[in-house]
Amino acid sequence: MNYRAMVYSLIVRIVERIPTIKDLIKRLQHDLLFRLDCGFMLSEDIPSASSYSRLVRKMSQSHALEEIQEQLLRQAITEGFITDDTVAVDATLLKPVIV
């Protein structure tokens, strides 16, 4: 499994407003440029919906995303992008992954 490409394709799914994982998989199968942009090679198979589901489950059980968010926040404060003492994260626009 190309986990790096899978994670990237999940992010692109949100940006491109692709409604479901099944729609993401269809696009990866039929759009070669999209497939390459997400990091999948032409020689490898596109992961199944269940593979994506397992990856999302493992990611949600891990604290890796929170740690990356904290690192990014510290870096933004250090570099002066954030100057206030109080920071709030608004996740209202993020939608759960629909398989």
PDB file of N, CA and C in Angstrom:
ATOM      1  N   MET A   1       0.828  -1.191   0.000  1.00  0.00           N
ATOM      2  CA  MET A   1       0.000   0.000   0.000  1.00  0.00           C
ATOM      3  C   MET A   1       0.868   1.248   0.000  1.00  0.00           C
ATOM      4  N   ASN A   2       0.472   2.198  -0.780  1.00  0.00           N
ATOM      5  CA  ASN A   2       1.149   3.486  -0.827  1.00  0.00           C
ATOM      6  C   ASN A   2       0.407   4.432   0.126  1.00  0.00           C
ATOM      7  N   TYR A   3       0.768   4.373   1.407  1.00  0.00           N
ATOM      8  CA  TYR A   3       0.045   5.137   2.426  1.00  0.00           C
ATOM      9  C   TYR A   3       0.205   6.642   2.240  1.00  0.00           C
ATOM     10  N   ARG A   4       1.359   7.043   1.781  1.00  0.00           N
ATOM     11  CA  ARG A   4       1.588   8.474   1.543  1.00  0.00           C
ATOM     12  C   ARG A   4       0.593   9.005   0.507  1.00  0.00           C
ATOM     13  N   ALA A   5       0.435   8.277  -0.579  1.00  0.00           N
ATOM     14  CA  ALA A   5      -0.501   8.684  -1.629  1.00  0.00           C
ATOM     15  C   ALA A   5      -1.942   8.602  -1.134  1.00  0.00           C
ATOM     16  N   MET A   6      -2.234   7.630  -0.296  1.00  0.00           N
ATOM     17  CA  MET A   6      -3.587   7.507   0.238  1.00  0.00           C
ATOM     18  C   MET A   6      -3.934   8.717   1.114  1.00  0.00           C
ATOM     19  N   VAL A   7      -3.017   9.101   1.991  1.00  0.00           N
ATOM     20  CA  VAL A   7      -3.257  10.257   2.859  1.00  0.00           C
ATOM     21  C   VAL A   7      -3.395  11.512   2.012  1.00  0.00           C
ATOM     22  N   TYR A   8      -2.522  11.665   1.047  1.00  0.00           N
ATOM     23  CA  TYR A   8      -2.584  12.838   0.177  1.00  0.00           C
ATOM     24  C   TYR A   8      -3.918  12.868  -0.583  1.00  0.00           C
ATOM     25  N   SER A   9      -4.359  11.722  -1.070  1.00  0.00           N
ATOM     26  CA  SER A   9      -5.618  11.692  -1.813  1.00  0.00           C
ATOM     27  C   SER A   9      -6.809  12.014  -0.908  1.00  0.00           C
ATOM     28  N   LEU A  10      -6.736  11.660   0.376  1.00  0.00           N
ATOM     29  CA  LEU A  10      -7.799  12.026   1.310  1.00  0.00           C
ATOM     30  C   LEU A  10      -7.865  13.537   1.505  1.00  0.00           C
ATOM     31  N   ILE A  11      -6.704  14.175   1.550  1.00  0.00           N
ATOM     32  CA  ILE A  11      -6.666  15.639   1.677  1.00  0.00           C
ATOM     33  C   ILE A  11      -7.198  16.285   0.404  1.00  0.00           C
ATOM     34  N   VAL A  12      -6.756  15.777  -0.741  1.00  0.00           N
ATOM     35  CA  VAL A  12      -7.215  16.309  -2.021  1.00  0.00           C
ATOM     36  C   VAL A  12      -8.719  16.105  -2.166  1.00  0.00           C
ATOM     37  N   ARG A  13      -9.233  15.019  -1.636  1.00  0.00           N
ATOM     38  CA  ARG A  13     -10.674  14.754  -1.684  1.00  0.00           C
ATOM     39  C   ARG A  13     -11.454  15.893  -1.042  1.00  0.00           C
ATOM     40  N   ILE A  14     -10.966  16.392   0.079  1.00  0.00           N
ATOM     41  CA  ILE A  14     -11.637  17.500   0.765  1.00  0.00           C
ATOM     42  C   ILE A  14     -11.516  18.777  -0.052  1.00  0.00           C
ATOM     43  N   VAL A  15     -10.310  19.046  -0.549  1.00  0.00           N
ATOM     44  CA  VAL A  15     -10.072  20.264  -1.321  1.00  0.00           C
ATOM     45  C   VAL A  15     -10.891  20.269  -2.603  1.00  0.00           C
ATOM     46  N   GLU A  16     -10.945  19.146  -3.279  1.00  0.00           N
ATOM     47  CA  GLU A  16     -11.665  19.026  -4.548  1.00  0.00           C
ATOM     48  C   GLU A  16     -13.170  18.790  -4.365  1.00  0.00           C
ATOM     49  N   ARG A  17     -13.607  18.706  -3.115  1.00  0.00           N
ATOM     50  CA  ARG A  17     -15.023  18.488  -2.784  1.00  0.00           C
ATOM     51  C   ARG A  17     -15.580  17.206  -3.402  1.00  0.00           C
ATOM     52  N   ILE A  18     -14.795  16.157  -3.295  1.00  0.00           N
ATOM     53  CA  ILE A  18     -15.244  14.838  -3.759  1.00  0.00           C
ATOM     54  C   ILE A  18     -16.044  14.234  -2.604  1.00  0.00           C
ATOM     55  N   PRO A  19     -17.331  13.945  -2.802  1.00  0.00           N
ATOM     56  CA  PRO A  19     -18.217  13.620  -1.677  1.00  0.00           C
ATOM     57  C   PRO A  19     -17.919  12.325  -0.923  1.00  0.00           C
ATOM     58  N   THR A  20     -17.525  11.277  -1.601  1.00  0.00           N
ATOM     59  CA  THR A  20     -17.333   9.996  -0.914  1.00  0.00           C
ATOM     60  C   THR A  20     -16.017   9.355  -1.332  1.00  0.00           C
ATOM     61  N   ILE A  21     -15.619   8.369  -0.550  1.00  0.00           N
ATOM     62  CA  ILE A  21     -14.415   7.599  -0.874  1.00  0.00           C
ATOM     63  C   ILE A  21     -14.626   6.846  -2.185  1.00  0.00           C
ATOM     64  N   LYS A  22     -15.817   6.345  -2.400  1.00  0.00           N
ATOM     65  CA  LYS A  22     -16.108   5.627  -3.649  1.00  0.00           C
ATOM     66  C   LYS A  22     -15.921   6.546  -4.856  1.00  0.00           C
ATOM     67  N   ASP A  23     -16.347   7.802  -4.722  1.00  0.00           N
ATOM     68  CA  ASP A  23     -16.144   8.766  -5.810  1.00  0.00           C
ATOM     69  C   ASP A  23     -14.653   9.070  -5.998  1.00  0.00           C
ATOM     70  N   LEU A  24     -13.928   9.124  -4.894  1.00  0.00           N
ATOM     71  CA  LEU A  24     -12.480   9.332  -4.966  1.00  0.00           C
ATOM     72  C   LEU A  24     -11.809   8.182  -5.718  1.00  0.00           C
ATOM     73  N   ILE A  25     -12.195   6.973  -5.390  1.00  0.00           N
ATOM     74  CA  ILE A  25     -11.618   5.794  -6.049  1.00  0.00           C
ATOM     75  C   ILE A  25     -11.938   5.796  -7.545  1.00  0.00           C
ATOM     76  N   LYS A  26     -13.177   6.141  -7.903  1.00  0.00           N
ATOM     77  CA  LYS A  26     -13.544   6.210  -9.326  1.00  0.00           C
ATOM     78  C   LYS A  26     -12.685   7.240 -10.057  1.00  0.00           C
ATOM     79  N   ARG A  27     -12.491   8.391  -9.414  1.00  0.00           N
ATOM     80  CA  ARG A  27     -11.679   9.436 -10.056  1.00  0.00           C
ATOM     81  C   ARG A  27     -10.234   8.971 -10.208  1.00  0.00           C
ATOM     82  N   LEU A  28      -9.705   8.310  -9.191  1.00  0.00           N
ATOM     83  CA  LEU A  28      -8.338   7.792  -9.273  1.00  0.00           C
ATOM     84  C   LEU A  28      -8.204   6.754 -10.384  1.00  0.00           C
ATOM     85  N   GLN A  29      -9.228   5.960 -10.598  1.00  0.00           N
ATOM     86  CA  GLN A  29      -9.186   4.918 -11.625  1.00  0.00           C
ATOM     87  C   GLN A  29      -9.303   5.488 -13.031  1.00  0.00           C
ATOM     88  N   HIS A  30     -10.045   6.585 -13.194  1.00  0.00           N
ATOM     89  CA  HIS A  30     -10.333   7.079 -14.540  1.00  0.00           C
ATOM     90  C   HIS A  30      -9.554   8.332 -14.942  1.00  0.00           C
ATOM     91  N   ASP A  31      -8.969   9.034 -14.002  1.00  0.00           N
ATOM     92  CA  ASP A  31      -8.242  10.266 -14.296  1.00  0.00           C
ATOM     93  C   ASP A  31      -6.759  10.044 -13.992  1.00  0.00           C
ATOM     94  N   LEU A  32      -5.988   9.763 -15.028  1.00  0.00           N
ATOM     95  CA  LEU A  32      -4.572   9.424 -14.842  1.00  0.00           C
ATOM     96  C   LEU A  32      -3.764  10.572 -14.252  1.00  0.00           C
ATOM     97  N   LEU A  33      -4.044  11.795 -14.661  1.00  0.00           N
ATOM     98  CA  LEU A  33      -3.311  12.937 -14.104  1.00  0.00           C
ATOM     99  C   LEU A  33      -3.616  13.120 -12.622  1.00  0.00           C
ATOM    100  N   PHE A  34      -4.872  12.958 -12.256  1.00  0.00           N
ATOM    101  CA  PHE A  34      -5.267  13.040 -10.847  1.00  0.00           C
ATOM    102  C   PHE A  34      -4.563  11.961 -10.042  1.00  0.00           C
ATOM    103  N   ARG A  35      -4.521  10.781 -10.598  1.00  0.00           N
ATOM    104  CA  ARG A  35      -3.860   9.642  -9.950  1.00  0.00           C
ATOM    105  C   ARG A  35      -2.387   9.945  -9.699  1.00  0.00           C
ATOM    106  N   LEU A  36      -1.706  10.479 -10.710  1.00  0.00           N
ATOM    107  CA  LEU A  36      -0.293  10.820 -10.569  1.00  0.00           C
ATOM    108  C   LEU A  36      -0.098  11.980  -9.600  1.00  0.00           C
ATOM    109  N   ASP A  37      -0.992  12.970  -9.648  1.00  0.00           N
ATOM    110  CA  ASP A  37      -0.907  14.108  -8.732  1.00  0.00           C
ATOM    111  C   ASP A  37      -1.047  13.679  -7.281  1.00  0.00           C
ATOM    112  N   CYS A  38      -1.832  12.645  -7.033  1.00  0.00           N
ATOM    113  CA  CYS A  38      -2.001  12.142  -5.666  1.00  0.00           C
ATOM    114  C   CYS A  38      -0.821  11.277  -5.215  1.00  0.00           C
ATOM    115  N   GLY A  39       0.044  10.918  -6.130  1.00  0.00           N
ATOM    116  CA  GLY A  39       1.233  10.158  -5.757  1.00  0.00           C
ATOM    117  C   GLY A  39       1.173   8.680  -6.067  1.00  0.00           C
ATOM    118  N   PHE A  40       0.116   8.251  -6.720  1.00  0.00           N
ATOM    119  CA  PHE A  40       0.025   6.841  -7.112  1.00  0.00           C
ATOM    120  C   PHE A  40       0.747   6.640  -8.430  1.00  0.00           C
ATOM    121  N   MET A  41       1.444   5.540  -8.550  1.00  0.00           N
ATOM    122  CA  MET A  41       2.107   5.196  -9.807  1.00  0.00           C
ATOM    123  C   MET A  41       1.110   4.460 -10.690  1.00  0.00           C
ATOM    124  N   LEU A  42       1.342   4.525 -11.982  1.00  0.00           N
ATOM    125  CA  LEU A  42       0.444   3.839 -12.907  1.00  0.00           C
ATOM    126  C   LEU A  42       0.505   2.329 -12.745  1.00  0.00           C
ATOM    127  N   SER A  43       1.625   1.832 -12.257  1.00  0.00           N
ATOM    128  CA  SER A  43       1.807   0.391 -12.135  1.00  0.00           C
ATOM    129  C   SER A  43       1.157  -0.200 -10.884  1.00  0.00           C
ATOM    130  N   GLU A  44       0.745   0.642  -9.954  1.00  0.00           N
ATOM    131  CA  GLU A  44       0.161   0.105  -8.720  1.00  0.00           C
ATOM    132  C   GLU A  44      -1.360   0.193  -8.739  1.00  0.00           C
ATOM    133  N   ASP A  45      -1.976  -0.703  -7.989  1.00  0.00           N
ATOM    134  CA  ASP A  45      -3.438  -0.728  -7.894  1.00  0.00           C
ATOM    135  C   ASP A  45      -3.927   0.407  -7.004  1.00  0.00           C
ATOM    136  N   ILE A  46      -5.125   0.879  -7.296  1.00  0.00           N
ATOM    137  CA  ILE A  46      -5.771   1.868  -6.448  1.00  0.00           C
ATOM    138  C   ILE A  46      -6.342   1.123  -5.239  1.00  0.00           C
ATOM    139  N   PRO A  47      -6.129   1.630  -4.025  1.00  0.00           N
ATOM    140  CA  PRO A  47      -6.657   0.948  -2.839  1.00  0.00           C
ATOM    141  C   PRO A  47      -8.184   0.883  -2.849  1.00  0.00           C
ATOM    142  N   SER A  48      -8.702  -0.121  -2.188  1.00  0.00           N
ATOM    143  CA  SER A  48     -10.148  -0.304  -2.098  1.00  0.00           C
ATOM    144  C   SER A  48     -10.730   0.619  -1.027  1.00  0.00           C
ATOM    145  N   ALA A  49     -12.040   0.708  -0.994  1.00  0.00           N
ATOM    146  CA  ALA A  49     -12.729   1.507   0.023  1.00  0.00           C
ATOM    147  C   ALA A  49     -12.424   0.980   1.422  1.00  0.00           C
ATOM    148  N   SER A  50     -12.323  -0.331   1.555  1.00  0.00           N
ATOM    149  CA  SER A  50     -12.013  -0.902   2.873  1.00  0.00           C
ATOM    150  C   SER A  50     -10.591  -0.560   3.309  1.00  0.00           C
ATOM    151  N   SER A  51      -9.657  -0.475   2.357  1.00  0.00           N
ATOM    152  CA  SER A  51      -8.294  -0.063   2.695  1.00  0.00           C
ATOM    153  C   SER A  51      -8.278   1.373   3.198  1.00  0.00           C
ATOM    154  N   TYR A  52      -9.032   2.245   2.530  1.00  0.00           N
ATOM    155  CA  TYR A  52      -9.145   3.624   3.001  1.00  0.00           C
ATOM    156  C   TYR A  52      -9.791   3.670   4.386  1.00  0.00           C
ATOM    157  N   SER A  53     -10.811   2.854   4.590  1.00  0.00           N
ATOM    158  CA  SER A  53     -11.500   2.820   5.871  1.00  0.00           C
ATOM    159  C   SER A  53     -10.555   2.398   6.992  1.00  0.00           C
ATOM    160  N   ARG A  54      -9.738   1.382   6.740  1.00  0.00           N
ATOM    161  CA  ARG A  54      -8.774   0.933   7.748  1.00  0.00           C
ATOM    162  C   ARG A  54      -7.749   2.028   8.044  1.00  0.00           C
ATOM    163  N   LEU A  55      -7.296   2.722   6.997  1.00  0.00           N
ATOM    164  CA  LEU A  55      -6.326   3.794   7.189  1.00  0.00           C
ATOM    165  C   LEU A  55      -6.927   4.921   8.029  1.00  0.00           C
ATOM    166  N   VAL A  56      -8.145   5.322   7.720  1.00  0.00           N
ATOM    167  CA  VAL A  56      -8.802   6.396   8.471  1.00  0.00           C
ATOM    168  C   VAL A  56      -8.995   5.978   9.924  1.00  0.00           C
ATOM    169  N   ARG A  57      -9.369   4.730  10.151  1.00  0.00           N
ATOM    170  CA  ARG A  57      -9.545   4.237  11.513  1.00  0.00           C
ATOM    171  C   ARG A  57      -8.232   4.295  12.291  1.00  0.00           C
ATOM    172  N   LYS A  58      -7.150   3.842  11.662  1.00  0.00           N
ATOM    173  CA  LYS A  58      -5.844   3.878  12.331  1.00  0.00           C
ATOM    174  C   LYS A  58      -5.399   5.314  12.599  1.00  0.00           C
ATOM    175  N   MET A  59      -5.652   6.201  11.650  1.00  0.00           N
ATOM    176  CA  MET A  59      -5.273   7.598  11.837  1.00  0.00           C
ATOM    177  C   MET A  59      -6.077   8.242  12.964  1.00  0.00           C
ATOM    178  N   SER A  60      -7.354   7.891  13.075  1.00  0.00           N
ATOM    179  CA  SER A  60      -8.180   8.484  14.122  1.00  0.00           C
ATOM    180  C   SER A  60      -7.803   7.943  15.497  1.00  0.00           C
ATOM    181  N   GLN A  61      -7.273   6.736  15.569  1.00  0.00           N
ATOM    182  CA  GLN A  61      -6.841   6.164  16.838  1.00  0.00           C
ATOM    183  C   GLN A  61      -5.469   6.672  17.248  1.00  0.00           C
ATOM    184  N   SER A  62      -4.736   7.203  16.314  1.00  0.00           N
ATOM    185  CA  SER A  62      -3.394   7.712  16.579  1.00  0.00           C
ATOM    186  C   SER A  62      -3.473   9.178  16.986  1.00  0.00           C
ATOM    187  N   HIS A  63      -2.449   9.656  17.653  1.00  0.00           N
ATOM    188  CA  HIS A  63      -2.372  11.069  18.027  1.00  0.00           C
ATOM    189  C   HIS A  63      -1.460  11.832  17.070  1.00  0.00           C
ATOM    190  N   ALA A  64      -1.108  11.223  15.968  1.00  0.00           N
ATOM    191  CA  ALA A  64      -0.165  11.837  15.028  1.00  0.00           C
ATOM    192  C   ALA A  64      -0.698  13.139  14.442  1.00  0.00           C
ATOM    193  N   LEU A  65      -1.980  13.172  14.081  1.00  0.00           N
ATOM    194  CA  LEU A  65      -2.538  14.385  13.482  1.00  0.00           C
ATOM    195  C   LEU A  65      -2.542  15.547  14.472  1.00  0.00           C
ATOM    196  N   GLU A  66      -2.851  15.267  15.740  1.00  0.00           N
ATOM    197  CA  GLU A  66      -2.821  16.313  16.758  1.00  0.00           C
ATOM    198  C   GLU A  66      -1.406  16.834  16.965  1.00  0.00           C
ATOM    199  N   GLU A  67      -0.433  15.916  16.951  1.00  0.00           N
ATOM    200  CA  GLU A  67       0.961  16.324  17.129  1.00  0.00           C
ATOM    201  C   GLU A  67       1.438  17.191  15.966  1.00  0.00           C
ATOM    202  N   ILE A  68       1.042  16.824  14.753  1.00  0.00           N
ATOM    203  CA  ILE A  68       1.414  17.621  13.577  1.00  0.00           C
ATOM    204  C   ILE A  68       0.756  18.995  13.650  1.00  0.00           C
ATOM    205  N   GLN A  69      -0.491  19.040  14.077  1.00  0.00           N
ATOM    206  CA  GLN A  69      -1.189  20.314  14.214  1.00  0.00           C
ATOM    207  C   GLN A  69      -0.485  21.204  15.243  1.00  0.00           C
ATOM    208  N   GLU A  70      -0.063  20.622  16.361  1.00  0.00           N
ATOM    209  CA  GLU A  70       0.644  21.386  17.384  1.00  0.00           C
ATOM    210  C   GLU A  70       1.982  21.899  16.857  1.00  0.00           C
ATOM    211  N   GLN A  71       2.714  21.069  16.137  1.00  0.00           N
ATOM    212  CA  GLN A  71       3.995  21.489  15.555  1.00  0.00           C
ATOM    213  C   GLN A  71       3.785  22.635  14.573  1.00  0.00           C
ATOM    214  N   LEU A  72       2.768  22.521  13.737  1.00  0.00           N
ATOM    215  CA  LEU A  72       2.470  23.563  12.759  1.00  0.00           C
ATOM    216  C   LEU A  72       2.091  24.867  13.455  1.00  0.00           C
ATOM    217  N   LEU A  73       1.321  24.767  14.518  1.00  0.00           N
ATOM    218  CA  LEU A  73       0.920  25.942  15.285  1.00  0.00           C
ATOM    219  C   LEU A  73       2.133  26.606  15.932  1.00  0.00           C
ATOM    220  N   ARG A  74       3.008  25.797  16.554  1.00  0.00           N
ATOM    221  CA  ARG A  74       4.227  26.357  17.162  1.00  0.00           C
ATOM    222  C   ARG A  74       5.102  27.039  16.116  1.00  0.00           C
ATOM    223  N   GLN A  75       5.215  26.423  14.958  1.00  0.00           N
ATOM    224  CA  GLN A  75       6.023  27.004  13.886  1.00  0.00           C
ATOM    225  C   GLN A  75       5.410  28.316  13.397  1.00  0.00           C
ATOM    226  N   ALA A  76       4.087  28.371  13.259  1.00  0.00           N
ATOM    227  CA  ALA A  76       3.417  29.593  12.819  1.00  0.00           C
ATOM    228  C   ALA A  76       3.598  30.713  13.836  1.00  0.00           C
ATOM    229  N   ILE A  77       3.586  30.380  15.128  1.00  0.00           N
ATOM    230  CA  ILE A  77       3.816  31.385  16.168  1.00  0.00           C
ATOM    231  C   ILE A  77       5.258  31.864  16.126  1.00  0.00           C
ATOM    232  N   THR A  78       6.200  30.930  15.990  1.00  0.00           N
ATOM    233  CA  THR A  78       7.618  31.273  15.936  1.00  0.00           C
ATOM    234  C   THR A  78       7.939  32.182  14.762  1.00  0.00           C
ATOM    235  N   GLU A  79       7.325  31.923  13.620  1.00  0.00           N
ATOM    236  CA  GLU A  79       7.612  32.700  12.417  1.00  0.00           C
ATOM    237  C   GLU A  79       6.764  33.968  12.314  1.00  0.00           C
ATOM    238  N   GLY A  80       5.903  34.205  13.289  1.00  0.00           N
ATOM    239  CA  GLY A  80       5.154  35.451  13.342  1.00  0.00           C
ATOM    240  C   GLY A  80       3.852  35.482  12.565  1.00  0.00           C
ATOM    241  N   PHE A  81       3.393  34.340  12.080  1.00  0.00           N
ATOM    242  CA  PHE A  81       2.110  34.310  11.370  1.00  0.00           C
ATOM    243  C   PHE A  81       0.944  34.453  12.345  1.00  0.00           C
ATOM    244  N   ILE A  82       1.141  33.959  13.560  1.00  0.00           N
ATOM    245  CA  ILE A  82       0.130  34.076  14.614  1.00  0.00           C
ATOM    246  C   ILE A  82       0.754  34.889  15.739  1.00  0.00           C
ATOM    247  N   THR A  83       0.104  35.987  16.088  1.00  0.00           N
ATOM    248  CA  THR A  83       0.666  36.873  17.106  1.00  0.00           C
ATOM    249  C   THR A  83      -0.185  36.940  18.361  1.00  0.00           C
ATOM    250  N   ASP A  84      -1.364  36.368  18.355  1.00  0.00           N
ATOM    251  CA  ASP A  84      -2.262  36.428  19.511  1.00  0.00           C
ATOM    252  C   ASP A  84      -1.937  35.307  20.491  1.00  0.00           C
ATOM    253  N   ASP A  85      -2.327  35.492  21.746  1.00  0.00           N
ATOM    254  CA  ASP A  85      -2.104  34.469  22.770  1.00  0.00           C
ATOM    255  C   ASP A  85      -3.140  33.346  22.709  1.00  0.00           C
ATOM    256  N   THR A  86      -4.287  33.632  22.100  1.00  0.00           N
ATOM    257  CA  THR A  86      -5.375  32.669  22.055  1.00  0.00           C
ATOM    258  C   THR A  86      -5.590  32.188  20.626  1.00  0.00           C
ATOM    259  N   VAL A  87      -5.642  30.864  20.469  1.00  0.00           N
ATOM    260  CA  VAL A  87      -5.845  30.271  19.148  1.00  0.00           C
ATOM    261  C   VAL A  87      -6.995  29.279  19.251  1.00  0.00           C
ATOM    262  N   ALA A  88      -7.904  29.334  18.284  1.00  0.00           N
ATOM    263  CA  ALA A  88      -9.010  28.384  18.221  1.00  0.00           C
ATOM    264  C   ALA A  88      -8.990  27.717  16.849  1.00  0.00           C
ATOM    265  N   VAL A  89      -9.265  26.443  16.828  1.00  0.00           N
ATOM    266  CA  VAL A  89      -9.316  25.695  15.580  1.00  0.00           C
ATOM    267  C   VAL A  89     -10.776  25.480  15.226  1.00  0.00           C
ATOM    268  N   ASP A  90     -11.176  25.921  14.053  1.00  0.00           N
ATOM    269  CA  ASP A  90     -12.558  25.777  13.596  1.00  0.00           C
ATOM    270  C   ASP A  90     -12.615  24.633  12.594  1.00  0.00           C
ATOM    271  N   ALA A  91     -13.273  23.574  12.970  1.00  0.00           N
ATOM    272  CA  ALA A  91     -13.372  22.402  12.098  1.00  0.00           C
ATOM    273  C   ALA A  91     -14.776  22.233  11.537  1.00  0.00           C
ATOM    274  N   THR A  92     -15.553  23.310  11.508  1.00  0.00           N
ATOM    275  CA  THR A  92     -16.923  23.185  11.044  1.00  0.00           C
ATOM    276  C   THR A  92     -17.015  22.841   9.572  1.00  0.00           C
ATOM    277  N   LEU A  93     -15.994  23.201   8.769  1.00  0.00           N
ATOM    278  CA  LEU A  93     -16.042  22.920   7.349  1.00  0.00           C
ATOM    279  C   LEU A  93     -15.534  21.527   7.009  1.00  0.00           C
ATOM    280  N   LEU A  94     -14.918  20.856   7.959  1.00  0.00           N
ATOM    281  CA  LEU A  94     -14.440  19.495   7.710  1.00  0.00           C
ATOM    282  C   LEU A  94     -15.597  18.528   7.870  1.00  0.00           C
ATOM    283  N   LYS A  95     -15.685  17.612   6.945  1.00  0.00           N
ATOM    284  CA  LYS A  95     -16.760  16.633   6.982  1.00  0.00           C
ATOM    285  C   LYS A  95     -16.167  15.255   7.242  1.00  0.00           C
ATOM    286  N   PRO A  96     -16.903  14.386   7.914  1.00  0.00           N
ATOM    287  CA  PRO A  96     -16.396  13.030   8.156  1.00  0.00           C
ATOM    288  C   PRO A  96     -16.237  12.277   6.828  1.00  0.00           C
ATOM    289  N   VAL A  97     -15.347  11.308   6.856  1.00  0.00           N
ATOM    290  CA  VAL A  97     -15.122  10.485   5.676  1.00  0.00           C
ATOM    291  C   VAL A  97     -16.309   9.546   5.497  1.00  0.00           C
ATOM    292  N   ILE A  98     -16.914   9.577   4.330  1.00  0.00           N
ATOM    293  CA  ILE A  98     -18.050   8.702   4.017  1.00  0.00           C
ATOM    294  C   ILE A  98     -17.563   7.605   3.089  1.00  0.00           C
ATOM    295  N   VAL A  99     -17.696   6.395   3.501  1.00  0.00           N
ATOM    296  CA  VAL A  99     -17.235   5.254   2.701  1.00  0.00           C
ATOM    297  C   VAL A  99     -18.380   4.681   1.927  1.00  0.00           C
TER     298      VAL A  99
END
